């Protein structure tokens, strides 16, 4: 993946998560939905791992939280915006 003509290496899971958010752009994706749809886990699981992956994506893509490209919906999940 390239950002501003610089190559950015995402892990497979980070890439899958980013693609999932982009496919669902404009919709709030709950942490449980993400765990089920991206990780394919269908039992009680610590969804805090998603926060770690989101922070990794933001850091690697140099996204600022205040820019809201991937916005945190407190207590619910995440939403991808334009």
PDB file of N, CA and C in Angstrom:
ATOM      1  N   UNK A   1       0.847  -1.159   0.000  1.00  0.00           N
ATOM      2  CA  UNK A   1       0.000   0.000   0.000  1.00  0.00           C
ATOM      3  C   UNK A   1       0.903   1.234   0.000  1.00  0.00           C
ATOM      4  N   UNK A   2       0.475   2.274  -0.693  1.00  0.00           N
ATOM      5  CA  UNK A   2       1.242   3.512  -0.761  1.00  0.00           C
ATOM      6  C   UNK A   2       0.432   4.673  -0.208  1.00  0.00           C
ATOM      7  N   UNK A   3       1.092   5.518   0.565  1.00  0.00           N
ATOM      8  CA  UNK A   3       0.504   6.735   1.102  1.00  0.00           C
ATOM      9  C   UNK A   3       1.473   7.864   0.782  1.00  0.00           C
ATOM     10  N   UNK A   4       0.998   8.843   0.020  1.00  0.00           N
ATOM     11  CA  UNK A   4       1.852   9.966  -0.390  1.00  0.00           C
ATOM     12  C   UNK A   4       3.149   9.480  -1.030  1.00  0.00           C
ATOM     13  N   UNK A   5       3.040   8.511  -1.886  1.00  0.00           N
ATOM     14  CA  UNK A   5       4.145   7.923  -2.642  1.00  0.00           C
ATOM     15  C   UNK A   5       5.151   7.187  -1.764  1.00  0.00           C
ATOM     16  N   UNK A   6       4.794   6.924  -0.507  1.00  0.00           N
ATOM     17  CA  UNK A   6       5.639   6.145   0.393  1.00  0.00           C
ATOM     18  C   UNK A   6       4.981   4.798   0.637  1.00  0.00           C
ATOM     19  N   UNK A   7       5.767   3.741   0.515  1.00  0.00           N
ATOM     20  CA  UNK A   7       5.221   2.413   0.744  1.00  0.00           C
ATOM     21  C   UNK A   7       4.991   2.188   2.236  1.00  0.00           C
ATOM     22  N   UNK A   8       3.809   1.670   2.560  1.00  0.00           N
ATOM     23  CA  UNK A   8       3.436   1.370   3.934  1.00  0.00           C
ATOM     24  C   UNK A   8       3.134  -0.125   4.011  1.00  0.00           C
ATOM     25  N   UNK A   9       3.791  -0.797   4.934  1.00  0.00           N
ATOM     26  CA  UNK A   9       3.589  -2.237   5.091  1.00  0.00           C
ATOM     27  C   UNK A   9       2.581  -2.495   6.209  1.00  0.00           C
ATOM     28  N   UNK A  10       1.420  -3.000   5.830  1.00  0.00           N
ATOM     29  CA  UNK A  10       0.413  -3.405   6.808  1.00  0.00           C
ATOM     30  C   UNK A  10       0.469  -4.917   6.942  1.00  0.00           C
ATOM     31  N   UNK A  11       0.171  -5.416   8.140  1.00  0.00           N
ATOM     32  CA  UNK A  11       0.035  -6.854   8.295  1.00  0.00           C
ATOM     33  C   UNK A  11      -1.228  -7.292   7.559  1.00  0.00           C
ATOM     34  N   UNK A  12      -1.360  -8.568   7.339  1.00  0.00           N
ATOM     35  CA  UNK A  12      -2.554  -9.069   6.650  1.00  0.00           C
ATOM     36  C   UNK A  12      -3.815  -8.691   7.420  1.00  0.00           C
ATOM     37  N   UNK A  13      -3.793  -8.825   8.734  1.00  0.00           N
ATOM     38  CA  UNK A  13      -4.964  -8.525   9.555  1.00  0.00           C
ATOM     39  C   UNK A  13      -5.276  -7.026   9.539  1.00  0.00           C
ATOM     40  N   UNK A  14      -4.245  -6.177   9.587  1.00  0.00           N
ATOM     41  CA  UNK A  14      -4.473  -4.734   9.496  1.00  0.00           C
ATOM     42  C   UNK A  14      -5.112  -4.381   8.154  1.00  0.00           C
ATOM     43  N   UNK A  15      -4.608  -4.990   7.085  1.00  0.00           N
ATOM     44  CA  UNK A  15      -5.152  -4.737   5.762  1.00  0.00           C
ATOM     45  C   UNK A  15      -6.607  -5.186   5.673  1.00  0.00           C
ATOM     46  N   UNK A  16      -6.911  -6.373   6.197  1.00  0.00           N
ATOM     47  CA  UNK A  16      -8.281  -6.884   6.186  1.00  0.00           C
ATOM     48  C   UNK A  16      -9.211  -5.970   6.987  1.00  0.00           C
ATOM     49  N   UNK A  17      -8.733  -5.485   8.122  1.00  0.00           N
ATOM     50  CA  UNK A  17      -9.535  -4.584   8.957  1.00  0.00           C
ATOM     51  C   UNK A  17      -9.777  -3.267   8.241  1.00  0.00           C
ATOM     52  N   UNK A  18      -8.749  -2.714   7.625  1.00  0.00           N
ATOM     53  CA  UNK A  18      -8.900  -1.462   6.886  1.00  0.00           C
ATOM     54  C   UNK A  18      -9.879  -1.635   5.721  1.00  0.00           C
ATOM     55  N   UNK A  19      -9.753  -2.721   4.983  1.00  0.00           N
ATOM     56  CA  UNK A  19     -10.682  -2.995   3.874  1.00  0.00           C
ATOM     57  C   UNK A  19     -12.116  -3.129   4.380  1.00  0.00           C
ATOM     58  N   UNK A  20     -12.287  -3.789   5.507  1.00  0.00           N
ATOM     59  CA  UNK A  20     -13.621  -3.962   6.091  1.00  0.00           C
ATOM     60  C   UNK A  20     -14.245  -2.600   6.419  1.00  0.00           C
ATOM     61  N   UNK A  21     -13.450  -1.728   7.042  1.00  0.00           N
ATOM     62  CA  UNK A  21     -13.963  -0.401   7.387  1.00  0.00           C
ATOM     63  C   UNK A  21     -14.297   0.400   6.130  1.00  0.00           C
ATOM     64  N   UNK A  22     -13.461   0.287   5.112  1.00  0.00           N
ATOM     65  CA  UNK A  22     -13.714   1.011   3.862  1.00  0.00           C
ATOM     66  C   UNK A  22     -14.971   0.479   3.174  1.00  0.00           C
ATOM     67  N   UNK A  23     -15.148  -0.845   3.161  1.00  0.00           N
ATOM     68  CA  UNK A  23     -16.360  -1.430   2.556  1.00  0.00           C
ATOM     69  C   UNK A  23     -17.622  -0.968   3.277  1.00  0.00           C
ATOM     70  N   UNK A  24     -17.482  -0.686   4.563  1.00  0.00           N
ATOM     71  CA  UNK A  24     -18.624  -0.263   5.379  1.00  0.00           C
ATOM     72  C   UNK A  24     -18.564   1.227   5.692  1.00  0.00           C
ATOM     73  N   UNK A  25     -17.907   1.990   4.815  1.00  0.00           N
ATOM     74  CA  UNK A  25     -17.714   3.423   5.030  1.00  0.00           C
ATOM     75  C   UNK A  25     -19.043   4.109   5.316  1.00  0.00           C
ATOM     76  N   UNK A  26     -19.028   4.947   6.335  1.00  0.00           N
ATOM     77  CA  UNK A  26     -20.227   5.692   6.706  1.00  0.00           C
ATOM     78  C   UNK A  26     -21.131   4.957   7.685  1.00  0.00           C
ATOM     79  N   UNK A  27     -20.811   3.695   7.976  1.00  0.00           N
ATOM     80  CA  UNK A  27     -21.599   2.905   8.926  1.00  0.00           C
ATOM     81  C   UNK A  27     -20.742   2.600  10.146  1.00  0.00           C
ATOM     82  N   UNK A  28     -21.353   2.660  11.312  1.00  0.00           N
ATOM     83  CA  UNK A  28     -20.638   2.296  12.528  1.00  0.00           C
ATOM     84  C   UNK A  28     -20.482   0.780  12.561  1.00  0.00           C
ATOM     85  N   UNK A  29     -19.246   0.344  12.705  1.00  0.00           N
ATOM     86  CA  UNK A  29     -18.943  -1.085  12.822  1.00  0.00           C
ATOM     87  C   UNK A  29     -18.622  -1.358  14.285  1.00  0.00           C
ATOM     88  N   UNK A  30     -19.443  -2.181  14.913  1.00  0.00           N
ATOM     89  CA  UNK A  30     -19.199  -2.488  16.322  1.00  0.00           C
ATOM     90  C   UNK A  30     -17.980  -3.394  16.439  1.00  0.00           C
ATOM     91  N   UNK A  31     -17.381  -3.374  17.606  1.00  0.00           N
ATOM     92  CA  UNK A  31     -16.227  -4.241  17.842  1.00  0.00           C
ATOM     93  C   UNK A  31     -16.622  -5.712  17.673  1.00  0.00           C
ATOM     94  N   UNK A  32     -17.820  -6.065  18.111  1.00  0.00           N
ATOM     95  CA  UNK A  32     -18.274  -7.454  17.951  1.00  0.00           C
ATOM     96  C   UNK A  32     -18.436  -7.824  16.477  1.00  0.00           C
ATOM     97  N   UNK A  33     -18.982  -6.904  15.670  1.00  0.00           N
ATOM     98  CA  UNK A  33     -19.105  -7.171  14.232  1.00  0.00           C
ATOM     99  C   UNK A  33     -17.733  -7.386  13.616  1.00  0.00           C
ATOM    100  N   UNK A  34     -16.787  -6.539  13.985  1.00  0.00           N
ATOM    101  CA  UNK A  34     -15.440  -6.640  13.430  1.00  0.00           C
ATOM    102  C   UNK A  34     -14.802  -7.972  13.814  1.00  0.00           C
ATOM    103  N   UNK A  35     -14.915  -8.337  15.082  1.00  0.00           N
ATOM    104  CA  UNK A  35     -14.350  -9.618  15.539  1.00  0.00           C
ATOM    105  C   UNK A  35     -14.959 -10.773  14.754  1.00  0.00           C
ATOM    106  N   UNK A  36     -16.261 -10.737  14.543  1.00  0.00           N
ATOM    107  CA  UNK A  36     -16.930 -11.824  13.822  1.00  0.00           C
ATOM    108  C   UNK A  36     -16.602 -11.822  12.335  1.00  0.00           C
ATOM    109  N   UNK A  37     -16.625 -10.647  11.710  1.00  0.00           N
ATOM    110  CA  UNK A  37     -16.471 -10.575  10.255  1.00  0.00           C
ATOM    111  C   UNK A  37     -15.019 -10.592   9.785  1.00  0.00           C
ATOM    112  N   UNK A  38     -14.108  -9.999  10.545  1.00  0.00           N
ATOM    113  CA  UNK A  38     -12.707  -9.946  10.128  1.00  0.00           C
ATOM    114  C   UNK A  38     -11.913 -11.086  10.745  1.00  0.00           C
ATOM    115  N   UNK A  39     -12.106 -11.341  12.032  1.00  0.00           N
ATOM    116  CA  UNK A  39     -11.365 -12.398  12.708  1.00  0.00           C
ATOM    117  C   UNK A  39     -12.070 -13.752  12.598  1.00  0.00           C
ATOM    118  N   UNK A  40     -13.333 -13.758  12.217  1.00  0.00           N
ATOM    119  CA  UNK A  40     -14.137 -14.977  12.117  1.00  0.00           C
ATOM    120  C   UNK A  40     -14.215 -15.710  13.453  1.00  0.00           C
ATOM    121  N   UNK A  41     -14.397 -14.925  14.518  1.00  0.00           N
ATOM    122  CA  UNK A  41     -14.549 -15.478  15.863  1.00  0.00           C
ATOM    123  C   UNK A  41     -15.999 -15.272  16.270  1.00  0.00           C
ATOM    124  N   UNK A  42     -16.662 -16.363  16.634  1.00  0.00           N
ATOM    125  CA  UNK A  42     -18.092 -16.304  16.944  1.00  0.00           C
ATOM    126  C   UNK A  42     -18.379 -16.764  18.378  1.00  0.00           C
ATOM    127  N   UNK A  43     -17.538 -16.305  19.295  1.00  0.00           N
ATOM    128  CA  UNK A  43     -17.758 -16.594  20.702  1.00  0.00           C
ATOM    129  C   UNK A  43     -17.246 -15.394  21.495  1.00  0.00           C
ATOM    130  N   UNK A  44     -17.522 -15.377  22.789  1.00  0.00           N
ATOM    131  CA  UNK A  44     -17.107 -14.256  23.631  1.00  0.00           C
ATOM    132  C   UNK A  44     -15.594 -14.095  23.564  1.00  0.00           C
ATOM    133  N   UNK A  45     -15.152 -12.902  23.198  1.00  0.00           N
ATOM    134  CA  UNK A  45     -13.730 -12.644  22.980  1.00  0.00           C
ATOM    135  C   UNK A  45     -13.423 -11.211  23.395  1.00  0.00           C
ATOM    136  N   UNK A  46     -12.214 -10.978  23.852  1.00  0.00           N
ATOM    137  CA  UNK A  46     -11.797  -9.628  24.240  1.00  0.00           C
ATOM    138  C   UNK A  46     -11.639  -8.782  22.988  1.00  0.00           C
ATOM    139  N   UNK A  47     -12.560  -7.855  22.787  1.00  0.00           N
ATOM    140  CA  UNK A  47     -12.533  -7.026  21.575  1.00  0.00           C
ATOM    141  C   UNK A  47     -11.528  -5.892  21.674  1.00  0.00           C
ATOM    142  N   UNK A  48     -10.823  -5.768  22.799  1.00  0.00           N
ATOM    143  CA  UNK A  48      -9.807  -4.736  22.950  1.00  0.00           C
ATOM    144  C   UNK A  48      -8.675  -4.873  21.955  1.00  0.00           C
ATOM    145  N   UNK A  49      -8.484  -6.060  21.427  1.00  0.00           N
ATOM    146  CA  UNK A  49      -7.427  -6.277  20.430  1.00  0.00           C
ATOM    147  C   UNK A  49      -7.678  -5.413  19.185  1.00  0.00           C
ATOM    148  N   UNK A  50      -8.925  -5.123  18.893  1.00  0.00           N
ATOM    149  CA  UNK A  50      -9.265  -4.288  17.735  1.00  0.00           C
ATOM    150  C   UNK A  50      -8.688  -2.887  17.916  1.00  0.00           C
ATOM    151  N   UNK A  51      -8.763  -2.366  19.126  1.00  0.00           N
ATOM    152  CA  UNK A  51      -8.217  -1.038  19.397  1.00  0.00           C
ATOM    153  C   UNK A  51      -6.721  -0.993  19.094  1.00  0.00           C
ATOM    154  N   UNK A  52      -6.021  -2.057  19.431  1.00  0.00           N
ATOM    155  CA  UNK A  52      -4.583  -2.142  19.159  1.00  0.00           C
ATOM    156  C   UNK A  52      -4.334  -2.106  17.651  1.00  0.00           C
ATOM    157  N   UNK A  53      -5.112  -2.862  16.896  1.00  0.00           N
ATOM    158  CA  UNK A  53      -4.951  -2.884  15.441  1.00  0.00           C
ATOM    159  C   UNK A  53      -5.296  -1.538  14.813  1.00  0.00           C
ATOM    160  N   UNK A  54      -6.363  -0.901  15.280  1.00  0.00           N
ATOM    161  CA  UNK A  54      -6.751   0.417  14.761  1.00  0.00           C
ATOM    162  C   UNK A  54      -5.629   1.422  15.022  1.00  0.00           C
ATOM    163  N   UNK A  55      -5.081   1.401  16.222  1.00  0.00           N
ATOM    164  CA  UNK A  55      -3.986   2.331  16.540  1.00  0.00           C
ATOM    165  C   UNK A  55      -2.768   2.061  15.662  1.00  0.00           C
ATOM    166  N   UNK A  56      -2.497   0.794  15.381  1.00  0.00           N
ATOM    167  CA  UNK A  56      -1.391   0.446  14.488  1.00  0.00           C
ATOM    168  C   UNK A  56      -1.612   0.969  13.080  1.00  0.00           C
ATOM    169  N   UNK A  57      -2.838   0.833  12.584  1.00  0.00           N
ATOM    170  CA  UNK A  57      -3.177   1.341  11.245  1.00  0.00           C
ATOM    171  C   UNK A  57      -3.030   2.853  11.215  1.00  0.00           C
ATOM    172  N   UNK A  58      -3.570   3.523  12.217  1.00  0.00           N
ATOM    173  CA  UNK A  58      -3.470   4.984  12.271  1.00  0.00           C
ATOM    174  C   UNK A  58      -2.012   5.440  12.263  1.00  0.00           C
ATOM    175  N   UNK A  59      -1.194   4.757  13.046  1.00  0.00           N
ATOM    176  CA  UNK A  59       0.216   5.120  13.138  1.00  0.00           C
ATOM    177  C   UNK A  59       0.930   4.896  11.809  1.00  0.00           C
ATOM    178  N   UNK A  60       0.730   3.733  11.211  1.00  0.00           N
ATOM    179  CA  UNK A  60       1.410   3.403   9.957  1.00  0.00           C
ATOM    180  C   UNK A  60       0.972   4.310   8.810  1.00  0.00           C
ATOM    181  N   UNK A  61      -0.306   4.689   8.792  1.00  0.00           N
ATOM    182  CA  UNK A  61      -0.813   5.553   7.724  1.00  0.00           C
ATOM    183  C   UNK A  61      -0.706   7.028   8.088  1.00  0.00           C
ATOM    184  N   UNK A  62      -0.140   7.292   9.271  1.00  0.00           N
ATOM    185  CA  UNK A  62       0.042   8.662   9.756  1.00  0.00           C
ATOM    186  C   UNK A  62      -1.285   9.419   9.817  1.00  0.00           C
ATOM    187  N   UNK A  63      -2.314   8.731  10.320  1.00  0.00           N
ATOM    188  CA  UNK A  63      -3.634   9.344  10.461  1.00  0.00           C
ATOM    189  C   UNK A  63      -3.741  10.001  11.823  1.00  0.00           C
ATOM    190  N   UNK A  64      -4.294  11.169  11.859  1.00  0.00           N
ATOM    191  CA  UNK A  64      -4.520  11.884  13.112  1.00  0.00           C
ATOM    192  C   UNK A  64      -5.956  11.612  13.565  1.00  0.00           C
ATOM    193  N   UNK A  65      -6.122  11.320  14.843  1.00  0.00           N
ATOM    194  CA  UNK A  65      -7.456  11.008  15.373  1.00  0.00           C
ATOM    195  C   UNK A  65      -8.428  12.147  15.090  1.00  0.00           C
ATOM    196  N   UNK A  66      -7.967  13.372  15.211  1.00  0.00           N
ATOM    197  CA  UNK A  66      -8.870  14.507  15.008  1.00  0.00           C
ATOM    198  C   UNK A  66      -9.308  14.672  13.560  1.00  0.00           C
ATOM    199  N   UNK A  67      -8.626  14.006  12.611  1.00  0.00           N
ATOM    200  CA  UNK A  67      -9.029  14.099  11.208  1.00  0.00           C
ATOM    201  C   UNK A  67     -10.204  13.170  10.887  1.00  0.00           C
ATOM    202  N   UNK A  68     -10.490  12.235  11.772  1.00  0.00           N
ATOM    203  CA  UNK A  68     -11.685  11.388  11.666  1.00  0.00           C
ATOM    204  C   UNK A  68     -11.737  10.484  10.442  1.00  0.00           C
ATOM    205  N   UNK A  69     -10.616  10.110   9.841  1.00  0.00           N
ATOM    206  CA  UNK A  69     -10.680   9.141   8.742  1.00  0.00           C
ATOM    207  C   UNK A  69     -11.182   7.798   9.275  1.00  0.00           C
ATOM    208  N   UNK A  70     -10.651   7.413  10.410  1.00  0.00           N
ATOM    209  CA  UNK A  70     -11.184   6.264  11.142  1.00  0.00           C
ATOM    210  C   UNK A  70     -11.574   6.822  12.502  1.00  0.00           C
ATOM    211  N   UNK A  71     -12.861   7.013  12.679  1.00  0.00           N
ATOM    212  CA  UNK A  71     -13.352   7.647  13.897  1.00  0.00           C
ATOM    213  C   UNK A  71     -13.760   6.598  14.918  1.00  0.00           C
ATOM    214  N   UNK A  72     -13.367   6.825  16.156  1.00  0.00           N
ATOM    215  CA  UNK A  72     -13.780   5.963  17.255  1.00  0.00           C
ATOM    216  C   UNK A  72     -15.164   6.387  17.710  1.00  0.00           C
ATOM    217  N   UNK A  73     -16.064   5.431  17.804  1.00  0.00           N
ATOM    218  CA  UNK A  73     -17.389   5.677  18.366  1.00  0.00           C
ATOM    219  C   UNK A  73     -17.337   5.061  19.760  1.00  0.00           C
ATOM    220  N   UNK A  74     -17.119   5.924  20.724  1.00  0.00           N
ATOM    221  CA  UNK A  74     -16.845   5.494  22.098  1.00  0.00           C
ATOM    222  C   UNK A  74     -17.849   4.464  22.609  1.00  0.00           C
ATOM    223  N   UNK A  75     -17.304   3.357  23.111  1.00  0.00           N
ATOM    224  CA  UNK A  75     -18.127   2.303  23.675  1.00  0.00           C
ATOM    225  C   UNK A  75     -18.815   1.422  22.661  1.00  0.00           C
ATOM    226  N   UNK A  76     -18.619   1.695  21.362  1.00  0.00           N
ATOM    227  CA  UNK A  76     -19.330   0.940  20.321  1.00  0.00           C
ATOM    228  C   UNK A  76     -18.365   0.300  19.340  1.00  0.00           C
ATOM    229  N   UNK A  77     -17.587   1.139  18.633  1.00  0.00           N
ATOM    230  CA  UNK A  77     -16.693   0.608  17.606  1.00  0.00           C
ATOM    231  C   UNK A  77     -16.045   1.718  16.804  1.00  0.00           C
ATOM    232  N   UNK A  78     -16.050   1.560  15.474  1.00  0.00           N
ATOM    233  CA  UNK A  78     -15.364   2.497  14.588  1.00  0.00           C
ATOM    234  C   UNK A  78     -16.191   2.764  13.336  1.00  0.00           C
ATOM    235  N   UNK A  79     -15.896   3.905  12.721  1.00  0.00           N
ATOM    236  CA  UNK A  79     -16.545   4.258  11.459  1.00  0.00           C
ATOM    237  C   UNK A  79     -15.491   4.889  10.560  1.00  0.00           C
ATOM    238  N   UNK A  80     -15.473   4.493   9.299  1.00  0.00           N
ATOM    239  CA  UNK A  80     -14.574   5.090   8.307  1.00  0.00           C
ATOM    240  C   UNK A  80     -15.323   6.195   7.588  1.00  0.00           C
ATOM    241  N   UNK A  81     -14.679   7.331   7.453  1.00  0.00           N
ATOM    242  CA  UNK A  81     -15.261   8.487   6.766  1.00  0.00           C
ATOM    243  C   UNK A  81     -14.413   8.856   5.562  1.00  0.00           C
ATOM    244  N   UNK A  82     -14.902   9.802   4.766  1.00  0.00           N
ATOM    245  CA  UNK A  82     -14.141  10.295   3.612  1.00  0.00           C
ATOM    246  C   UNK A  82     -12.920  11.067   4.047  1.00  0.00           C
TER     247      UNK A  82
END
